[in-house]
């Protein structure tokens, strides 16, 4: 998605890191750049608003269930692999084999 207009921060960068922005998991300097981009770019602002609404809906509907500790650790491990640029296995290498 792009509005076709030049911006200091490219639309693709904003959309690639949108969830980091939504979750406040980025440095303040980057948050400021993204906020400026949203002021200039209505398609990215619309996408941000949509994703923010979905996140709120999921939290409201599903935010009451406790996540098993082992599942959380696996998900966080995968996220770290992806962020570091490593290849993510198609099957779960951390799963224990099923006993017969």
N, C-alpha and C. Protein backbone atom coordinates (compact mmCIF):
# COMPACT_ATOMS: atom_id res chain seq x y z
N UNK A 1 0.85 -1.17 0.00
CA UNK A 1 0.00 0.00 0.00
C UNK A 1 0.90 1.23 0.00
N UNK A 2 0.50 2.18 -0.78
CA UNK A 2 1.21 3.45 -0.80
C UNK A 2 0.27 4.50 -1.36
N UNK A 3 0.40 5.69 -0.86
CA UNK A 3 -0.45 6.77 -1.36
C UNK A 3 0.15 7.38 -2.62
N UNK A 4 1.37 7.01 -2.96
CA UNK A 4 2.03 7.54 -4.14
C UNK A 4 2.77 8.84 -3.89
N UNK A 5 2.67 9.36 -2.70
CA UNK A 5 3.35 10.61 -2.35
C UNK A 5 4.66 10.29 -1.64
N UNK A 6 5.69 11.13 -1.84
CA UNK A 6 6.95 10.90 -1.11
C UNK A 6 6.81 11.31 0.35
N UNK A 7 7.37 10.49 1.22
CA UNK A 7 7.36 10.77 2.66
C UNK A 7 8.76 10.52 3.21
N UNK A 8 9.06 11.15 4.31
CA UNK A 8 10.35 10.91 4.97
C UNK A 8 10.48 9.44 5.35
N UNK A 9 9.40 8.85 5.85
CA UNK A 9 9.36 7.43 6.19
C UNK A 9 8.44 6.76 5.17
N UNK A 10 8.99 5.79 4.45
CA UNK A 10 8.26 5.12 3.38
C UNK A 10 7.06 4.33 3.92
N UNK A 11 5.99 4.28 3.14
CA UNK A 11 4.78 3.54 3.53
C UNK A 11 5.09 2.08 3.85
N UNK A 12 5.94 1.46 3.06
CA UNK A 12 6.25 0.04 3.29
C UNK A 12 6.93 -0.17 4.64
N UNK A 13 7.78 0.75 5.05
CA UNK A 13 8.42 0.65 6.36
C UNK A 13 7.38 0.78 7.48
N UNK A 14 6.47 1.72 7.31
CA UNK A 14 5.42 1.94 8.31
C UNK A 14 4.57 0.68 8.44
N UNK A 15 4.14 0.12 7.33
CA UNK A 15 3.28 -1.06 7.37
C UNK A 15 4.02 -2.30 7.86
N UNK A 16 5.31 -2.41 7.55
CA UNK A 16 6.10 -3.55 8.03
C UNK A 16 6.25 -3.54 9.55
N UNK A 17 6.21 -2.37 10.15
CA UNK A 17 6.44 -2.24 11.59
C UNK A 17 5.21 -1.72 12.33
N UNK A 18 4.05 -1.87 11.72
CA UNK A 18 2.82 -1.32 12.29
C UNK A 18 2.50 -1.92 13.66
N UNK A 19 2.69 -3.22 13.82
CA UNK A 19 2.35 -3.84 15.10
C UNK A 19 3.33 -3.44 16.20
N UNK A 20 4.57 -3.18 15.84
CA UNK A 20 5.51 -2.66 16.83
C UNK A 20 5.05 -1.29 17.31
N UNK A 21 4.53 -0.49 16.38
CA UNK A 21 3.99 0.82 16.75
C UNK A 21 2.76 0.66 17.64
N UNK A 22 1.83 -0.20 17.21
CA UNK A 22 0.60 -0.43 17.97
C UNK A 22 0.89 -0.93 19.39
N UNK A 23 1.91 -1.77 19.52
CA UNK A 23 2.25 -2.37 20.81
C UNK A 23 3.25 -1.55 21.60
N UNK A 24 3.60 -0.36 21.10
CA UNK A 24 4.59 0.51 21.75
C UNK A 24 5.90 -0.22 22.00
N UNK A 25 6.36 -0.96 20.99
CA UNK A 25 7.59 -1.74 21.10
C UNK A 25 8.69 -1.18 20.20
N UNK A 26 8.69 0.13 20.02
CA UNK A 26 9.72 0.74 19.21
C UNK A 26 10.23 1.99 19.91
N UNK A 27 11.44 2.40 19.57
CA UNK A 27 12.00 3.62 20.19
C UNK A 27 11.13 4.84 19.90
N UNK A 28 11.16 5.79 20.81
CA UNK A 28 10.35 7.01 20.69
C UNK A 28 10.63 7.76 19.39
N UNK A 29 11.88 7.77 18.95
CA UNK A 29 12.22 8.49 17.73
C UNK A 29 11.49 7.88 16.54
N UNK A 30 11.37 6.55 16.49
CA UNK A 30 10.64 5.89 15.41
C UNK A 30 9.14 6.12 15.54
N UNK A 31 8.64 6.12 16.78
CA UNK A 31 7.21 6.40 16.99
C UNK A 31 6.86 7.79 16.47
N UNK A 32 7.75 8.74 16.71
CA UNK A 32 7.53 10.11 16.23
C UNK A 32 7.49 10.15 14.71
N UNK A 33 8.40 9.42 14.05
CA UNK A 33 8.40 9.36 12.58
C UNK A 33 7.09 8.76 12.07
N UNK A 34 6.62 7.71 12.72
CA UNK A 34 5.39 7.05 12.29
C UNK A 34 4.19 7.97 12.49
N UNK A 35 4.15 8.68 13.62
CA UNK A 35 3.05 9.61 13.88
C UNK A 35 3.01 10.70 12.81
N UNK A 36 4.17 11.18 12.43
CA UNK A 36 4.25 12.19 11.38
C UNK A 36 3.75 11.61 10.06
N UNK A 37 4.14 10.37 9.78
CA UNK A 37 3.71 9.72 8.54
C UNK A 37 2.19 9.59 8.50
N UNK A 38 1.58 9.21 9.62
CA UNK A 38 0.12 9.07 9.66
C UNK A 38 -0.58 10.41 9.41
N UNK A 39 0.04 11.51 9.83
CA UNK A 39 -0.53 12.84 9.58
C UNK A 39 -0.54 13.17 8.09
N UNK A 40 0.45 12.62 7.37
CA UNK A 40 0.62 12.93 5.95
C UNK A 40 -0.04 11.93 5.01
N UNK A 41 -0.32 10.72 5.49
CA UNK A 41 -0.69 9.63 4.59
C UNK A 41 -2.00 8.97 5.04
N UNK A 42 -3.08 9.32 4.37
CA UNK A 42 -4.38 8.79 4.79
C UNK A 42 -4.52 7.28 4.58
N UNK A 43 -3.94 6.64 3.53
CA UNK A 43 -4.06 5.18 3.43
C UNK A 43 -3.39 4.46 4.60
N UNK A 44 -2.23 4.93 5.03
CA UNK A 44 -1.55 4.30 6.17
C UNK A 44 -2.31 4.59 7.47
N UNK A 45 -2.86 5.79 7.60
CA UNK A 45 -3.66 6.12 8.77
C UNK A 45 -4.89 5.22 8.84
N UNK A 46 -5.51 4.97 7.70
CA UNK A 46 -6.68 4.10 7.66
C UNK A 46 -6.30 2.67 8.06
N UNK A 47 -5.18 2.18 7.55
CA UNK A 47 -4.70 0.83 7.91
C UNK A 47 -4.39 0.76 9.40
N UNK A 48 -3.75 1.78 9.93
CA UNK A 48 -3.46 1.86 11.36
C UNK A 48 -4.75 1.80 12.17
N UNK A 49 -5.75 2.59 11.77
CA UNK A 49 -7.02 2.60 12.49
C UNK A 49 -7.70 1.25 12.45
N UNK A 50 -7.66 0.59 11.32
CA UNK A 50 -8.26 -0.74 11.20
C UNK A 50 -7.56 -1.74 12.09
N UNK A 51 -6.25 -1.78 12.06
CA UNK A 51 -5.50 -2.72 12.88
C UNK A 51 -5.67 -2.43 14.37
N UNK A 52 -5.77 -1.16 14.71
CA UNK A 52 -5.99 -0.78 16.11
C UNK A 52 -7.37 -1.27 16.57
N UNK A 53 -8.37 -1.15 15.71
CA UNK A 53 -9.72 -1.61 16.05
C UNK A 53 -9.75 -3.14 16.21
N UNK A 54 -9.07 -3.84 15.32
CA UNK A 54 -9.01 -5.31 15.41
C UNK A 54 -8.32 -5.73 16.70
N UNK A 55 -7.24 -5.06 17.02
CA UNK A 55 -6.51 -5.39 18.25
C UNK A 55 -7.40 -5.18 19.48
N UNK A 56 -8.14 -4.09 19.53
CA UNK A 56 -9.04 -3.83 20.65
C UNK A 56 -10.14 -4.87 20.72
N UNK A 57 -10.67 -5.27 19.57
CA UNK A 57 -11.72 -6.29 19.53
C UNK A 57 -11.21 -7.63 20.04
N UNK A 58 -10.04 -8.01 19.60
CA UNK A 58 -9.44 -9.28 20.04
C UNK A 58 -9.19 -9.23 21.54
N UNK A 59 -8.69 -8.12 22.03
CA UNK A 59 -8.43 -8.00 23.46
C UNK A 59 -9.72 -8.10 24.27
N UNK A 60 -10.76 -7.46 23.78
CA UNK A 60 -12.03 -7.48 24.48
C UNK A 60 -12.65 -8.89 24.47
N UNK A 61 -12.55 -9.58 23.35
CA UNK A 61 -13.20 -10.89 23.20
C UNK A 61 -12.35 -12.04 23.71
N UNK A 62 -11.04 -11.91 23.63
CA UNK A 62 -10.18 -13.05 23.93
C UNK A 62 -9.15 -12.75 25.02
N UNK A 63 -9.19 -11.58 25.59
CA UNK A 63 -8.15 -11.17 26.51
C UNK A 63 -8.26 -11.74 27.91
N UNK A 64 -9.22 -12.60 28.16
CA UNK A 64 -9.43 -13.11 29.51
C UNK A 64 -8.85 -14.50 29.74
N UNK A 65 -8.42 -15.16 28.68
CA UNK A 65 -7.87 -16.51 28.81
C UNK A 65 -6.38 -16.44 29.12
N UNK A 66 -5.95 -17.25 30.07
CA UNK A 66 -4.52 -17.33 30.37
C UNK A 66 -3.83 -18.16 29.30
N UNK A 67 -2.68 -17.69 28.87
CA UNK A 67 -1.89 -18.39 27.87
C UNK A 67 -0.93 -19.33 28.60
N UNK A 68 -0.91 -20.61 28.20
CA UNK A 68 0.04 -21.53 28.84
C UNK A 68 1.48 -21.01 28.67
N UNK A 69 2.27 -21.16 29.72
CA UNK A 69 3.64 -20.64 29.73
C UNK A 69 4.47 -21.21 28.59
N UNK A 70 4.34 -22.52 28.32
CA UNK A 70 5.14 -23.12 27.26
C UNK A 70 4.75 -22.58 25.88
N UNK A 71 3.47 -22.34 25.65
CA UNK A 71 3.03 -21.77 24.38
C UNK A 71 3.58 -20.36 24.22
N UNK A 72 3.51 -19.57 25.27
CA UNK A 72 4.04 -18.20 25.21
C UNK A 72 5.53 -18.22 24.88
N UNK A 73 6.28 -19.13 25.50
CA UNK A 73 7.72 -19.23 25.25
C UNK A 73 8.00 -19.61 23.80
N UNK A 74 7.21 -20.54 23.25
CA UNK A 74 7.39 -20.94 21.85
C UNK A 74 7.11 -19.79 20.90
N UNK A 75 6.03 -19.07 21.15
CA UNK A 75 5.67 -17.95 20.28
C UNK A 75 6.74 -16.87 20.35
N UNK A 76 7.19 -16.54 21.56
CA UNK A 76 8.22 -15.51 21.70
C UNK A 76 9.52 -15.95 21.03
N UNK A 77 9.84 -17.25 21.12
CA UNK A 77 11.03 -17.78 20.44
C UNK A 77 10.94 -17.61 18.94
N UNK A 78 9.77 -17.89 18.38
CA UNK A 78 9.57 -17.71 16.94
C UNK A 78 9.70 -16.24 16.54
N UNK A 79 9.13 -15.38 17.34
CA UNK A 79 9.21 -13.95 17.05
C UNK A 79 10.66 -13.50 17.03
N UNK A 80 11.43 -13.96 17.99
CA UNK A 80 12.85 -13.59 18.04
C UNK A 80 13.61 -14.12 16.82
N UNK A 81 13.28 -15.35 16.38
CA UNK A 81 13.90 -15.90 15.18
C UNK A 81 13.61 -15.02 13.97
N UNK A 82 12.36 -14.64 13.83
CA UNK A 82 11.96 -13.81 12.69
C UNK A 82 12.64 -12.45 12.75
N UNK A 83 12.67 -11.84 13.92
CA UNK A 83 13.30 -10.52 14.06
C UNK A 83 14.79 -10.57 13.77
N UNK A 84 15.44 -11.68 14.11
CA UNK A 84 16.88 -11.79 13.88
C UNK A 84 17.20 -12.21 12.45
N UNK A 85 16.15 -12.50 11.65
CA UNK A 85 16.37 -12.86 10.25
C UNK A 85 16.69 -14.32 10.03
N UNK A 86 16.58 -15.13 11.06
CA UNK A 86 16.87 -16.55 10.91
C UNK A 86 15.70 -17.26 10.26
N UNK A 87 15.99 -18.41 9.68
CA UNK A 87 14.96 -19.22 9.06
C UNK A 87 14.11 -19.86 10.15
N UNK A 88 12.81 -19.78 9.96
CA UNK A 88 11.87 -20.36 10.92
C UNK A 88 11.47 -21.73 10.40
N UNK A 89 11.67 -22.80 11.19
CA UNK A 89 11.30 -24.14 10.73
C UNK A 89 9.79 -24.23 10.50
N UNK A 90 9.42 -25.05 9.50
CA UNK A 90 7.99 -25.22 9.21
C UNK A 90 7.30 -26.05 10.27
N UNK A 91 8.02 -26.94 10.91
CA UNK A 91 7.44 -27.73 12.00
C UNK A 91 8.02 -27.24 13.31
N UNK A 92 7.35 -27.52 14.37
CA UNK A 92 7.77 -27.03 15.68
C UNK A 92 8.87 -27.92 16.24
N UNK A 93 10.09 -27.42 16.22
CA UNK A 93 11.22 -28.21 16.71
C UNK A 93 11.25 -28.29 18.23
N UNK A 94 10.46 -27.45 18.89
CA UNK A 94 10.45 -27.48 20.36
C UNK A 94 9.39 -28.41 20.91
N UNK A 95 8.56 -28.97 20.03
CA UNK A 95 7.49 -29.86 20.49
C UNK A 95 8.08 -31.18 20.94
N UNK A 96 7.50 -31.74 21.98
CA UNK A 96 7.94 -33.05 22.44
C UNK A 96 7.20 -34.12 21.65
N UNK A 97 7.88 -35.22 21.32
CA UNK A 97 7.24 -36.27 20.53
C UNK A 97 6.08 -36.89 21.31
N UNK A 98 5.03 -37.27 20.58
CA UNK A 98 3.88 -37.92 21.19
C UNK A 98 4.25 -39.34 21.58
N UNK A 99 3.84 -39.74 22.78
CA UNK A 99 4.08 -41.11 23.22
C UNK A 99 2.98 -41.99 22.69
N UNK A 100 3.33 -43.25 22.36
CA UNK A 100 2.33 -44.17 21.84
C UNK A 100 1.64 -44.90 22.95
